[in-house]
Each structure stands twice: as C-alpha cells, then as structure tokens.
Amino acid sequence: MALNTLDYYFEGAMIPYVLLKDTAKAIKGVEDLDKLERLEIGVIEKNLSKYSRNTLRDRLGEDWADKEHTIEGIKVYIRLIKKRYGFFKYLDKIPYWGGSFHIANPFEKYWKARFLVK
C-alpha cells in the first residue's frame, strides 16, 4: 500500500506528516483508499531539519514539495505547510491497516478550511 511506503519514507527521515483532504476523510471514516484519485499528505515546514530535507530529496527527488509523486503505482501529492494552523497542533492518530496515521484535530474545523491550507 502506498500509504505504508510513504510512512516508511517519512519515518526514516524522522518527519511527522499529516493526511490531508479526501485521504484524511477516508481514514477517519475507515473507508477504502483505492477509490481516491490520489493520496494527499502535508509536511509542516517548521518540523523539517536539514537532514530531513536532504533525506526527502534523496528519496523523492529535488522538488519533492507541493508536487505529485507516484509510489507503488498510486499518485501521492505532498504539500509543504508553511503557515501555522491550530488544527495541526495536536493531531489525532487514527489506526488503519496495521499503521497509525495523523489527521487534523479538530477534524471538522480543518475540513471547513481544507482548501485554504498552505
């Protein structure tokens, strides 16, 4: 599953990430991710060290941020989140297919503002 591969990439680089948009909604509702056109995750810029950035460049390419990648045949969009949002301060951890993934908290507040996140 592409989500588990992404988890491996980010865990190896010691970078916390958050699921975004329809990916987060599907995980919250324990729905099948295969129905999604692509997965979307966010990395909060303030959490990135020089080591983390270099690791992501090595694994995903020079322009890894704000770009769509293909992992295990599944499209994944990785957004670099530059602004600070309250709903990303204390993330919810949701178990899904043997892994645990973070989503915004409170999710309802994020869902209303999901298109404004940058």
PDB file of N, CA and C in Angstrom:
ATOM      1  N   MET A   1       0.848  -1.187   0.000  1.00  0.00           N
ATOM      2  CA  MET A   1       0.000   0.000   0.000  1.00  0.00           C
ATOM      3  C   MET A   1       0.889   1.243   0.000  1.00  0.00           C
ATOM      4  N   ALA A   2       0.604   2.193  -0.849  1.00  0.00           N
ATOM      5  CA  ALA A   2       1.416   3.401  -0.997  1.00  0.00           C
ATOM      6  C   ALA A   2       1.504   4.190   0.305  1.00  0.00           C
ATOM      7  N   LEU A   3       0.446   4.192   1.085  1.00  0.00           N
ATOM      8  CA  LEU A   3       0.455   4.940   2.347  1.00  0.00           C
ATOM      9  C   LEU A   3       1.505   4.369   3.297  1.00  0.00           C
ATOM     10  N   ASN A   4       1.647   3.064   3.337  1.00  0.00           N
ATOM     11  CA  ASN A   4       2.667   2.447   4.178  1.00  0.00           C
ATOM     12  C   ASN A   4       4.074   2.758   3.675  1.00  0.00           C
ATOM     13  N   THR A   5       4.257   2.817   2.351  1.00  0.00           N
ATOM     14  CA  THR A   5       5.554   3.181   1.786  1.00  0.00           C
ATOM     15  C   THR A   5       5.898   4.620   2.143  1.00  0.00           C
ATOM     16  N   LEU A   6       4.938   5.506   2.020  1.00  0.00           N
ATOM     17  CA  LEU A   6       5.166   6.898   2.417  1.00  0.00           C
ATOM     18  C   LEU A   6       5.513   6.995   3.894  1.00  0.00           C
ATOM     19  N   ASP A   7       4.812   6.215   4.700  1.00  0.00           N
ATOM     20  CA  ASP A   7       5.086   6.202   6.131  1.00  0.00           C
ATOM     21  C   ASP A   7       6.537   5.788   6.374  1.00  0.00           C
ATOM     22  N   TYR A   8       7.006   4.802   5.641  1.00  0.00           N
ATOM     23  CA  TYR A   8       8.397   4.357   5.742  1.00  0.00           C
ATOM     24  C   TYR A   8       9.349   5.494   5.359  1.00  0.00           C
ATOM     25  N   TYR A   9       9.090   6.186   4.271  1.00  0.00           N
ATOM     26  CA  TYR A   9       9.938   7.293   3.829  1.00  0.00           C
ATOM     27  C   TYR A   9      10.031   8.376   4.902  1.00  0.00           C
ATOM     28  N   PHE A  10       8.893   8.770   5.415  1.00  0.00           N
ATOM     29  CA  PHE A  10       8.866   9.877   6.364  1.00  0.00           C
ATOM     30  C   PHE A  10       9.378   9.462   7.739  1.00  0.00           C
ATOM     31  N   GLU A  11       9.090   8.250   8.161  1.00  0.00           N
ATOM     32  CA  GLU A  11       9.603   7.770   9.437  1.00  0.00           C
ATOM     33  C   GLU A  11      11.126   7.687   9.386  1.00  0.00           C
ATOM     34  N   GLY A  12      11.669   7.217   8.269  1.00  0.00           N
ATOM     35  CA  GLY A  12      13.111   7.126   8.090  1.00  0.00           C
ATOM     36  C   GLY A  12      13.790   8.481   8.131  1.00  0.00           C
ATOM     37  N   ALA A  13      13.101   9.500   7.692  1.00  0.00           N
ATOM     38  CA  ALA A  13      13.638  10.857   7.707  1.00  0.00           C
ATOM     39  C   ALA A  13      13.246  11.604   8.995  1.00  0.00           C
ATOM     40  N   MET A  14      12.574  10.904   9.894  1.00  0.00           N
ATOM     41  CA  MET A  14      12.110  11.468  11.172  1.00  0.00           C
ATOM     42  C   MET A  14      11.266  12.726  10.969  1.00  0.00           C
ATOM     43  N   ILE A  15      10.321  12.626  10.047  1.00  0.00           N
ATOM     44  CA  ILE A  15       9.458  13.760   9.736  1.00  0.00           C
ATOM     45  C   ILE A  15       8.004  13.391  10.010  1.00  0.00           C
ATOM     46  N   PRO A  16       7.375  14.094  10.939  1.00  0.00           N
ATOM     47  CA  PRO A  16       5.940  13.857  11.118  1.00  0.00           C
ATOM     48  C   PRO A  16       5.169  14.447   9.936  1.00  0.00           C
ATOM     49  N   TYR A  17       4.107  13.790   9.552  1.00  0.00           N
ATOM     50  CA  TYR A  17       3.271  14.287   8.461  1.00  0.00           C
ATOM     51  C   TYR A  17       1.816  14.089   8.848  1.00  0.00           C
ATOM     52  N   VAL A  18       0.954  14.747   8.116  1.00  0.00           N
ATOM     53  CA  VAL A  18      -0.480  14.687   8.384  1.00  0.00           C
ATOM     54  C   VAL A  18      -1.206  14.366   7.080  1.00  0.00           C
ATOM     55  N   LEU A  19      -2.229  13.546   7.166  1.00  0.00           N
ATOM     56  CA  LEU A  19      -3.042  13.250   5.988  1.00  0.00           C
ATOM     57  C   LEU A  19      -3.955  14.436   5.719  1.00  0.00           C
ATOM     58  N   LEU A  20      -4.166  14.737   4.457  1.00  0.00           N
ATOM     59  CA  LEU A  20      -4.963  15.894   4.065  1.00  0.00           C
ATOM     60  C   LEU A  20      -6.154  15.495   3.194  1.00  0.00           C
ATOM     61  N   LYS A  21      -7.092  16.406   3.110  1.00  0.00           N
ATOM     62  CA  LYS A  21      -8.266  16.354   2.229  1.00  0.00           C
ATOM     63  C   LYS A  21      -8.976  15.004   2.245  1.00  0.00           C
ATOM     64  N   ASP A  22      -9.261  14.442   1.066  1.00  0.00           N
ATOM     65  CA  ASP A  22     -10.054  13.204   0.993  1.00  0.00           C
ATOM     66  C   ASP A  22      -9.333  12.001   1.602  1.00  0.00           C
ATOM     67  N   THR A  23      -8.012  12.041   1.628  1.00  0.00           N
ATOM     68  CA  THR A  23      -7.257  10.952   2.262  1.00  0.00           C
ATOM     69  C   THR A  23      -7.555  10.921   3.750  1.00  0.00           C
ATOM     70  N   ALA A  24      -7.526  12.083   4.385  1.00  0.00           N
ATOM     71  CA  ALA A  24      -7.822  12.166   5.813  1.00  0.00           C
ATOM     72  C   ALA A  24      -9.270  11.768   6.094  1.00  0.00           C
ATOM     73  N   LYS A  25     -10.178  12.228   5.246  1.00  0.00           N
ATOM     74  CA  LYS A  25     -11.600  11.896   5.432  1.00  0.00           C
ATOM     75  C   LYS A  25     -11.827  10.389   5.316  1.00  0.00           C
ATOM     76  N   ALA A  26     -11.167   9.750   4.354  1.00  0.00           N
ATOM     77  CA  ALA A  26     -11.320   8.301   4.169  1.00  0.00           C
ATOM     78  C   ALA A  26     -10.760   7.531   5.364  1.00  0.00           C
ATOM     79  N   ILE A  27      -9.605   7.937   5.859  1.00  0.00           N
ATOM     80  CA  ILE A  27      -9.006   7.267   7.021  1.00  0.00           C
ATOM     81  C   ILE A  27      -9.900   7.448   8.240  1.00  0.00           C
ATOM     82  N   LYS A  28     -10.400   8.657   8.438  1.00  0.00           N
ATOM     83  CA  LYS A  28     -11.280   8.924   9.582  1.00  0.00           C
ATOM     84  C   LYS A  28     -12.531   8.055   9.529  1.00  0.00           C
ATOM     85  N   GLY A  29     -13.066   7.845   8.336  1.00  0.00           N
ATOM     86  CA  GLY A  29     -14.276   7.043   8.168  1.00  0.00           C
ATOM     87  C   GLY A  29     -13.992   5.566   7.914  1.00  0.00           C
ATOM     88  N   VAL A  30     -12.723   5.169   8.010  1.00  0.00           N
ATOM     89  CA  VAL A  30     -12.271   3.795   7.754  1.00  0.00           C
ATOM     90  C   VAL A  30     -12.810   3.300   6.402  1.00  0.00           C
ATOM     91  N   GLU A  31     -12.583   4.114   5.386  1.00  0.00           N
ATOM     92  CA  GLU A  31     -13.019   3.783   4.024  1.00  0.00           C
ATOM     93  C   GLU A  31     -11.833   3.293   3.202  1.00  0.00           C
ATOM     94  N   ASP A  32     -12.113   2.686   2.091  1.00  0.00           N
ATOM     95  CA  ASP A  32     -11.099   2.161   1.190  1.00  0.00           C
ATOM     96  C   ASP A  32     -10.410   3.305   0.439  1.00  0.00           C
ATOM     97  N   LEU A  33      -9.088   3.349   0.495  1.00  0.00           N
ATOM     98  CA  LEU A  33      -8.330   4.405  -0.184  1.00  0.00           C
ATOM     99  C   LEU A  33      -8.221   4.179  -1.688  1.00  0.00           C
ATOM    100  N   ASP A  34      -8.509   2.971  -2.153  1.00  0.00           N
ATOM    101  CA  ASP A  34      -8.412   2.672  -3.586  1.00  0.00           C
ATOM    102  C   ASP A  34      -9.385   3.490  -4.423  1.00  0.00           C
ATOM    103  N   LYS A  35     -10.410   4.028  -3.810  1.00  0.00           N
ATOM    104  CA  LYS A  35     -11.400   4.829  -4.538  1.00  0.00           C
ATOM    105  C   LYS A  35     -10.909   6.250  -4.816  1.00  0.00           C
ATOM    106  N   LEU A  36      -9.831   6.656  -4.151  1.00  0.00           N
ATOM    107  CA  LEU A  36      -9.330   8.017  -4.305  1.00  0.00           C
ATOM    108  C   LEU A  36      -8.476   8.149  -5.559  1.00  0.00           C
ATOM    109  N   GLU A  37      -8.534   9.309  -6.190  1.00  0.00           N
ATOM    110  CA  GLU A  37      -7.708   9.585  -7.366  1.00  0.00           C
ATOM    111  C   GLU A  37      -6.238   9.653  -6.970  1.00  0.00           C
ATOM    112  N   ARG A  38      -5.965  10.225  -5.793  1.00  0.00           N
ATOM    113  CA  ARG A  38      -4.609  10.309  -5.257  1.00  0.00           C
ATOM    114  C   ARG A  38      -4.669  10.465  -3.741  1.00  0.00           C
ATOM    115  N   LEU A  39      -3.562  10.156  -3.091  1.00  0.00           N
ATOM    116  CA  LEU A  39      -3.420  10.389  -1.662  1.00  0.00           C
ATOM    117  C   LEU A  39      -2.825  11.777  -1.479  1.00  0.00           C
ATOM    118  N   GLU A  40      -3.178  12.427  -0.376  1.00  0.00           N
ATOM    119  CA  GLU A  40      -2.612  13.749  -0.105  1.00  0.00           C
ATOM    120  C   GLU A  40      -2.124  13.800   1.324  1.00  0.00           C
ATOM    121  N   ILE A  41      -0.857  14.248   1.465  1.00  0.00           N
ATOM    122  CA  ILE A  41      -0.292  14.411   2.796  1.00  0.00           C
ATOM    123  C   ILE A  41       0.341  15.787   2.907  1.00  0.00           C
ATOM    124  N   GLY A  42       0.554  16.229   4.135  1.00  0.00           N
ATOM    125  CA  GLY A  42       1.204  17.501   4.384  1.00  0.00           C
ATOM    126  C   GLY A  42       2.361  17.341   5.338  1.00  0.00           C
ATOM    127  N   VAL A  43       3.414  18.117   5.093  1.00  0.00           N
ATOM    128  CA  VAL A  43       4.571  18.173   5.973  1.00  0.00           C
ATOM    129  C   VAL A  43       4.653  19.608   6.476  1.00  0.00           C
ATOM    130  N   ILE A  44       4.749  19.756   7.780  1.00  0.00           N
ATOM    131  CA  ILE A  44       4.806  21.088   8.372  1.00  0.00           C
ATOM    132  C   ILE A  44       6.253  21.579   8.325  1.00  0.00           C
ATOM    133  N   GLU A  45       6.453  22.703   7.661  1.00  0.00           N
ATOM    134  CA  GLU A  45       7.797  23.208   7.389  1.00  0.00           C
ATOM    135  C   GLU A  45       8.638  23.366   8.649  1.00  0.00           C
ATOM    136  N   LYS A  46       8.055  23.833   9.728  1.00  0.00           N
ATOM    137  CA  LYS A  46       8.831  24.072  10.956  1.00  0.00           C
ATOM    138  C   LYS A  46       9.403  22.774  11.539  1.00  0.00           C
ATOM    139  N   ASN A  47       8.894  21.612  11.121  1.00  0.00           N
ATOM    140  CA  ASN A  47       9.387  20.324  11.616  1.00  0.00           C
ATOM    141  C   ASN A  47      10.539  19.765  10.790  1.00  0.00           C
ATOM    142  N   LEU A  48      10.943  20.460   9.745  1.00  0.00           N
ATOM    143  CA  LEU A  48      11.981  19.947   8.848  1.00  0.00           C
ATOM    144  C   LEU A  48      13.375  20.427   9.244  1.00  0.00           C
ATOM    145  N   SER A  49      14.263  19.487   9.476  1.00  0.00           N
ATOM    146  CA  SER A  49      15.669  19.808   9.704  1.00  0.00           C
ATOM    147  C   SER A  49      16.406  19.698   8.362  1.00  0.00           C
ATOM    148  N   LYS A  50      17.658  20.091   8.346  1.00  0.00           N
ATOM    149  CA  LYS A  50      18.457  19.961   7.133  1.00  0.00           C
ATOM    150  C   LYS A  50      18.569  18.485   6.744  1.00  0.00           C
ATOM    151  N   TYR A  51      18.767  17.617   7.732  1.00  0.00           N
ATOM    152  CA  TYR A  51      18.844  16.172   7.487  1.00  0.00           C
ATOM    153  C   TYR A  51      17.542  15.669   6.857  1.00  0.00           C
ATOM    154  N   SER A  52      16.419  16.106   7.383  1.00  0.00           N
ATOM    155  CA  SER A  52      15.120  15.665   6.875  1.00  0.00           C
ATOM    156  C   SER A  52      14.922  16.091   5.430  1.00  0.00           C
ATOM    157  N   ARG A  53      15.239  17.322   5.127  1.00  0.00           N
ATOM    158  CA  ARG A  53      15.112  17.824   3.755  1.00  0.00           C
ATOM    159  C   ARG A  53      15.990  17.018   2.787  1.00  0.00           C
ATOM    160  N   ASN A  54      17.237  16.770   3.198  1.00  0.00           N
ATOM    161  CA  ASN A  54      18.155  16.016   2.340  1.00  0.00           C
ATOM    162  C   ASN A  54      17.668  14.588   2.125  1.00  0.00           C
ATOM    163  N   THR A  55      17.134  13.974   3.157  1.00  0.00           N
ATOM    164  CA  THR A  55      16.625  12.616   3.030  1.00  0.00           C
ATOM    165  C   THR A  55      15.461  12.573   2.054  1.00  0.00           C
ATOM    166  N   LEU A  56      14.549  13.539   2.156  1.00  0.00           N
ATOM    167  CA  LEU A  56      13.415  13.572   1.230  1.00  0.00           C
ATOM    168  C   LEU A  56      13.869  13.829  -0.203  1.00  0.00           C
ATOM    169  N   ARG A  57      14.856  14.674  -0.375  1.00  0.00           N
ATOM    170  CA  ARG A  57      15.389  14.915  -1.723  1.00  0.00           C
ATOM    171  C   ARG A  57      15.984  13.633  -2.304  1.00  0.00           C
ATOM    172  N   ASP A  58      16.699  12.877  -1.471  1.00  0.00           N
ATOM    173  CA  ASP A  58      17.297  11.626  -1.943  1.00  0.00           C
ATOM    174  C   ASP A  58      16.232  10.600  -2.330  1.00  0.00           C
ATOM    175  N   ARG A  59      15.157  10.539  -1.569  1.00  0.00           N
ATOM    176  CA  ARG A  59      14.140   9.505  -1.791  1.00  0.00           C
ATOM    177  C   ARG A  59      13.091   9.896  -2.824  1.00  0.00           C
ATOM    178  N   LEU A  60      12.752  11.197  -2.883  1.00  0.00           N
ATOM    179  CA  LEU A  60      11.643  11.620  -3.746  1.00  0.00           C
ATOM    180  C   LEU A  60      12.045  12.591  -4.843  1.00  0.00           C
ATOM    181  N   GLY A  61      13.286  13.051  -4.834  1.00  0.00           N
ATOM    182  CA  GLY A  61      13.739  13.994  -5.852  1.00  0.00           C
ATOM    183  C   GLY A  61      13.885  15.398  -5.305  1.00  0.00           C
ATOM    184  N   GLU A  62      14.570  16.209  -6.057  1.00  0.00           N
ATOM    185  CA  GLU A  62      14.884  17.583  -5.640  1.00  0.00           C
ATOM    186  C   GLU A  62      13.628  18.401  -5.320  1.00  0.00           C
ATOM    187  N   ASP A  63      12.630  18.306  -6.169  1.00  0.00           N
ATOM    188  CA  ASP A  63      11.399  19.080  -5.998  1.00  0.00           C
ATOM    189  C   ASP A  63      10.293  18.216  -5.396  1.00  0.00           C
ATOM    190  N   TRP A  64      10.493  17.738  -4.190  1.00  0.00           N
ATOM    191  CA  TRP A  64       9.528  16.819  -3.575  1.00  0.00           C
ATOM    192  C   TRP A  64       8.290  17.534  -3.047  1.00  0.00           C
ATOM    193  N   ALA A  65       8.415  18.798  -2.675  1.00  0.00           N
ATOM    194  CA  ALA A  65       7.312  19.514  -2.017  1.00  0.00           C
ATOM    195  C   ALA A  65       6.330  20.100  -3.021  1.00  0.00           C
ATOM    196  N   ASP A  66       5.050  20.130  -2.617  1.00  0.00           N
ATOM    197  CA  ASP A  66       3.979  20.702  -3.432  1.00  0.00           C
ATOM    198  C   ASP A  66       3.974  20.103  -4.830  1.00  0.00           C
ATOM    199  N   LYS A  67       4.091  18.796  -4.855  1.00  0.00           N
ATOM    200  CA  LYS A  67       4.192  18.086  -6.119  1.00  0.00           C
ATOM    201  C   LYS A  67       3.562  16.705  -5.976  1.00  0.00           C
ATOM    202  N   GLU A  68       3.099  16.183  -7.104  1.00  0.00           N
ATOM    203  CA  GLU A  68       2.543  14.836  -7.122  1.00  0.00           C
ATOM    204  C   GLU A  68       3.642  13.829  -7.466  1.00  0.00           C
ATOM    205  N   HIS A  69       3.665  12.725  -6.738  1.00  0.00           N
ATOM    206  CA  HIS A  69       4.618  11.640  -6.959  1.00  0.00           C
ATOM    207  C   HIS A  69       3.831  10.366  -7.225  1.00  0.00           C
ATOM    208  N   THR A  70       4.474   9.370  -7.821  1.00  0.00           N
ATOM    209  CA  THR A  70       3.853   8.060  -7.994  1.00  0.00           C
ATOM    210  C   THR A  70       4.645   7.053  -7.177  1.00  0.00           C
ATOM    211  N   ILE A  71       3.965   6.417  -6.234  1.00  0.00           N
ATOM    212  CA  ILE A  71       4.586   5.425  -5.362  1.00  0.00           C
ATOM    213  C   ILE A  71       3.726   4.173  -5.409  1.00  0.00           C
ATOM    214  N   GLU A  72       4.361   3.060  -5.765  1.00  0.00           N
ATOM    215  CA  GLU A  72       3.659   1.785  -5.919  1.00  0.00           C
ATOM    216  C   GLU A  72       2.444   1.927  -6.841  1.00  0.00           C
ATOM    217  N   GLY A  73       2.591   2.745  -7.880  1.00  0.00           N
ATOM    218  CA  GLY A  73       1.523   2.919  -8.850  1.00  0.00           C
ATOM    219  C   GLY A  73       0.388   3.822  -8.405  1.00  0.00           C
ATOM    220  N   ILE A  74       0.532   4.438  -7.245  1.00  0.00           N
ATOM    221  CA  ILE A  74      -0.525   5.316  -6.722  1.00  0.00           C
ATOM    222  C   ILE A  74       0.004   6.749  -6.659  1.00  0.00           C
ATOM    223  N   LYS A  75      -0.805   7.687  -7.110  1.00  0.00           N
ATOM    224  CA  LYS A  75      -0.425   9.092  -7.069  1.00  0.00           C
ATOM    225  C   LYS A  75      -0.520   9.620  -5.639  1.00  0.00           C
ATOM    226  N   VAL A  76       0.516  10.374  -5.251  1.00  0.00           N
ATOM    227  CA  VAL A  76       0.570  10.959  -3.911  1.00  0.00           C
ATOM    228  C   VAL A  76       0.999  12.410  -4.049  1.00  0.00           C
ATOM    229  N   TYR A  77       0.189  13.321  -3.509  1.00  0.00           N
ATOM    230  CA  TYR A  77       0.541  14.736  -3.518  1.00  0.00           C
ATOM    231  C   TYR A  77       1.084  15.092  -2.143  1.00  0.00           C
ATOM    232  N   ILE A  78       2.277  15.711  -2.109  1.00  0.00           N
ATOM    233  CA  ILE A  78       2.894  16.102  -0.842  1.00  0.00           C
ATOM    234  C   ILE A  78       2.924  17.619  -0.768  1.00  0.00           C
ATOM    235  N   ARG A  79       2.201  18.161   0.205  1.00  0.00           N
ATOM    236  CA  ARG A  79       2.122  19.612   0.396  1.00  0.00           C
ATOM    237  C   ARG A  79       3.047  20.034   1.535  1.00  0.00           C
ATOM    238  N   LEU A  80       3.815  21.091   1.313  1.00  0.00           N
ATOM    239  CA  LEU A  80       4.623  21.693   2.368  1.00  0.00           C
ATOM    240  C   LEU A  80       3.772  22.781   3.021  1.00  0.00           C
ATOM    241  N   ILE A  81       3.470  22.593   4.288  1.00  0.00           N
ATOM    242  CA  ILE A  81       2.599  23.526   5.013  1.00  0.00           C
ATOM    243  C   ILE A  81       3.472  24.568   5.699  1.00  0.00           C
ATOM    244  N   LYS A  82       3.361  25.807   5.236  1.00  0.00           N
ATOM    245  CA  LYS A  82       4.219  26.883   5.735  1.00  0.00           C
ATOM    246  C   LYS A  82       3.579  27.696   6.853  1.00  0.00           C
ATOM    247  N   LYS A  83       2.267  27.813   6.830  1.00  0.00           N
ATOM    248  CA  LYS A  83       1.574  28.583   7.863  1.00  0.00           C
ATOM    249  C   LYS A  83       1.273  27.692   9.065  1.00  0.00           C
ATOM    250  N   ARG A  84       1.012  28.325  10.190  1.00  0.00           N
ATOM    251  CA  ARG A  84       0.660  27.588  11.404  1.00  0.00           C
ATOM    252  C   ARG A  84      -0.862  27.571  11.554  1.00  0.00           C
ATOM    253  N   TYR A  85      -1.382  26.385  11.771  1.00  0.00           N
ATOM    254  CA  TYR A  85      -2.822  26.203  11.941  1.00  0.00           C
ATOM    255  C   TYR A  85      -3.064  25.481  13.259  1.00  0.00           C
ATOM    256  N   GLY A  86      -4.059  25.930  14.013  1.00  0.00           N
ATOM    257  CA  GLY A  86      -4.387  25.324  15.294  1.00  0.00           C
ATOM    258  C   GLY A  86      -4.760  23.859  15.192  1.00  0.00           C
ATOM    259  N   PHE A  87      -5.421  23.481  14.102  1.00  0.00           N
ATOM    260  CA  PHE A  87      -5.865  22.094  13.973  1.00  0.00           C
ATOM    261  C   PHE A  87      -4.722  21.133  13.630  1.00  0.00           C
ATOM    262  N   PHE A  88      -3.507  21.655  13.400  1.00  0.00           N
ATOM    263  CA  PHE A  88      -2.342  20.792  13.202  1.00  0.00           C
ATOM    264  C   PHE A  88      -1.441  20.754  14.435  1.00  0.00           C
ATOM    265  N   LYS A  89      -1.843  21.423  15.501  1.00  0.00           N
ATOM    266  CA  LYS A  89      -1.011  21.481  16.706  1.00  0.00           C
ATOM    267  C   LYS A  89      -1.044  20.164  17.486  1.00  0.00           C
ATOM    268  N   TYR A  90      -2.218  19.628  17.736  1.00  0.00           N
ATOM    269  CA  TYR A  90      -2.383  18.362  18.470  1.00  0.00           C
ATOM    270  C   TYR A  90      -3.139  17.393  17.566  1.00  0.00           C
ATOM    271  N   LEU A  91      -2.409  16.632  16.795  1.00  0.00           N
ATOM    272  CA  LEU A  91      -3.007  15.762  15.779  1.00  0.00           C
ATOM    273  C   LEU A  91      -3.682  14.541  16.399  1.00  0.00           C
ATOM    274  N   ASP A  92      -4.740  14.071  15.747  1.00  0.00           N
ATOM    275  CA  ASP A  92      -5.376  12.796  16.097  1.00  0.00           C
ATOM    276  C   ASP A  92      -4.616  11.680  15.393  1.00  0.00           C
ATOM    277  N   LYS A  93      -4.455  10.561  16.077  1.00  0.00           N
ATOM    278  CA  LYS A  93      -3.792   9.400  15.493  1.00  0.00           C
ATOM    279  C   LYS A  93      -4.848   8.338  15.236  1.00  0.00           C
ATOM    280  N   ILE A  94      -4.997   7.943  13.969  1.00  0.00           N
ATOM    281  CA  ILE A  94      -6.044   7.011  13.560  1.00  0.00           C
ATOM    282  C   ILE A  94      -5.399   5.688  13.106  1.00  0.00           C
ATOM    283  N   PRO A  95      -5.789   4.548  13.705  1.00  0.00           N
ATOM    284  CA  PRO A  95      -5.269   3.260  13.224  1.00  0.00           C
ATOM    285  C   PRO A  95      -5.932   2.875  11.903  1.00  0.00           C
ATOM    286  N   TYR A  96      -5.114   2.365  10.973  1.00  0.00           N
ATOM    287  CA  TYR A  96      -5.632   1.970   9.667  1.00  0.00           C
ATOM    288  C   TYR A  96      -4.702   0.935   9.058  1.00  0.00           C
ATOM    289  N   TRP A  97      -5.190  -0.228   8.771  1.00  0.00           N
ATOM    290  CA  TRP A  97      -4.473  -1.320   8.118  1.00  0.00           C
ATOM    291  C   TRP A  97      -3.062  -1.533   8.673  1.00  0.00           C
ATOM    292  N   GLY A  98      -2.969  -1.694   9.972  1.00  0.00           N
ATOM    293  CA  GLY A  98      -1.690  -2.009  10.601  1.00  0.00           C
ATOM    294  C   GLY A  98      -0.794  -0.823  10.860  1.00  0.00           C
ATOM    295  N   GLY A  99      -1.232   0.351  10.516  1.00  0.00           N
ATOM    296  CA  GLY A  99      -0.441   1.554  10.766  1.00  0.00           C
ATOM    297  C   GLY A  99      -1.265   2.566  11.537  1.00  0.00           C
ATOM    298  N   SER A 100      -0.620   3.626  11.966  1.00  0.00           N
ATOM    299  CA  SER A 100      -1.309   4.735  12.629  1.00  0.00           C
ATOM    300  C   SER A 100      -0.958   6.006  11.879  1.00  0.00           C
ATOM    301  N   PHE A 101      -1.975   6.766  11.526  1.00  0.00           N
ATOM    302  CA  PHE A 101      -1.775   7.948  10.697  1.00  0.00           C
ATOM    303  C   PHE A 101      -2.411   9.162  11.346  1.00  0.00           C
ATOM    304  N   HIS A 102      -1.756  10.307  11.178  1.00  0.00           N
ATOM    305  CA  HIS A 102      -2.226  11.545  11.796  1.00  0.00           C
ATOM    306  C   HIS A 102      -3.186  12.302  10.889  1.00  0.00           C
ATOM    307  N   ILE A 103      -4.225  12.851  11.518  1.00  0.00           N
ATOM    308  CA  ILE A 103      -5.142  13.765  10.844  1.00  0.00           C
ATOM    309  C   ILE A 103      -5.322  14.993  11.732  1.00  0.00           C
ATOM    310  N   ALA A 104      -5.854  16.049  11.157  1.00  0.00           N
ATOM    311  CA  ALA A 104      -6.061  17.301  11.883  1.00  0.00           C
ATOM    312  C   ALA A 104      -7.023  17.102  13.051  1.00  0.00           C
ATOM    313  N   ASN A 105      -6.861  17.968  14.059  1.00  0.00           N
ATOM    314  CA  ASN A 105      -7.702  17.918  15.249  1.00  0.00           C
ATOM    315  C   ASN A 105      -7.998  19.356  15.702  1.00  0.00           C
ATOM    316  N   PRO A 106      -9.235  19.771  15.749  1.00  0.00           N
ATOM    317  CA  PRO A 106     -10.436  19.010  15.422  1.00  0.00           C
ATOM    318  C   PRO A 106     -10.616  18.905  13.901  1.00  0.00           C
ATOM    319  N   PHE A 107     -10.997  17.733  13.471  1.00  0.00           N
ATOM    320  CA  PHE A 107     -11.103  17.448  12.047  1.00  0.00           C
ATOM    321  C   PHE A 107     -12.157  18.317  11.364  1.00  0.00           C
ATOM    322  N   GLU A 108     -13.257  18.539  12.039  1.00  0.00           N
ATOM    323  CA  GLU A 108     -14.357  19.325  11.442  1.00  0.00           C
ATOM    324  C   GLU A 108     -13.900  20.749  11.113  1.00  0.00           C
ATOM    325  N   LYS A 109     -13.075  21.322  11.978  1.00  0.00           N
ATOM    326  CA  LYS A 109     -12.563  22.675  11.731  1.00  0.00           C
ATOM    327  C   LYS A 109     -11.614  22.666  10.526  1.00  0.00           C
ATOM    328  N   TYR A 110     -10.759  21.657  10.461  1.00  0.00           N
ATOM    329  CA  TYR A 110      -9.864  21.523   9.312  1.00  0.00           C
ATOM    330  C   TYR A 110     -10.666  21.341   8.023  1.00  0.00           C
ATOM    331  N   TRP A 111     -11.684  20.474   8.077  1.00  0.00           N
ATOM    332  CA  TRP A 111     -12.437  20.142   6.866  1.00  0.00           C
ATOM    333  C   TRP A 111     -13.052  21.390   6.238  1.00  0.00           C
ATOM    334  N   LYS A 112     -13.515  22.310   7.059  1.00  0.00           N
ATOM    335  CA  LYS A 112     -14.092  23.552   6.541  1.00  0.00           C
ATOM    336  C   LYS A 112     -13.022  24.434   5.868  1.00  0.00           C
ATOM    337  N   ALA A 113     -11.771  24.335   6.352  1.00  0.00           N
ATOM    338  CA  ALA A 113     -10.700  25.211   5.851  1.00  0.00           C
ATOM    339  C   ALA A 113      -9.715  24.475   4.960  1.00  0.00           C
ATOM    340  N   ARG A 114      -9.991  23.244   4.566  1.00  0.00           N
ATOM    341  CA  ARG A 114      -9.015  22.392   3.874  1.00  0.00           C
ATOM    342  C   ARG A 114      -8.461  22.998   2.583  1.00  0.00           C
ATOM    343  N   PHE A 115      -9.228  23.805   1.885  1.00  0.00           N
ATOM    344  CA  PHE A 115      -8.734  24.383   0.628  1.00  0.00           C
ATOM    345  C   PHE A 115      -7.868  25.621   0.854  1.00  0.00           C
ATOM    346  N   LEU A 116      -7.812  26.085   2.099  1.00  0.00           N
ATOM    347  CA  LEU A 116      -7.013  27.272   2.429  1.00  0.00           C
ATOM    348  C   LEU A 116      -5.635  26.924   2.984  1.00  0.00           C
ATOM    349  N   VAL A 117      -5.402  25.657   3.294  1.00  0.00           N
ATOM    350  CA  VAL A 117      -4.151  25.226   3.920  1.00  0.00           C
ATOM    351  C   VAL A 117      -3.000  25.363   2.930  1.00  0.00           C
ATOM    352  N   LYS A 118      -1.974  26.123   3.348  1.00  0.00           N
ATOM    353  CA  LYS A 118      -0.775  26.348   2.521  1.00  0.00           C
ATOM    354  C   LYS A 118       0.463  26.278   3.371  1.00  0.00           C
TER     355      LYS A 118
END
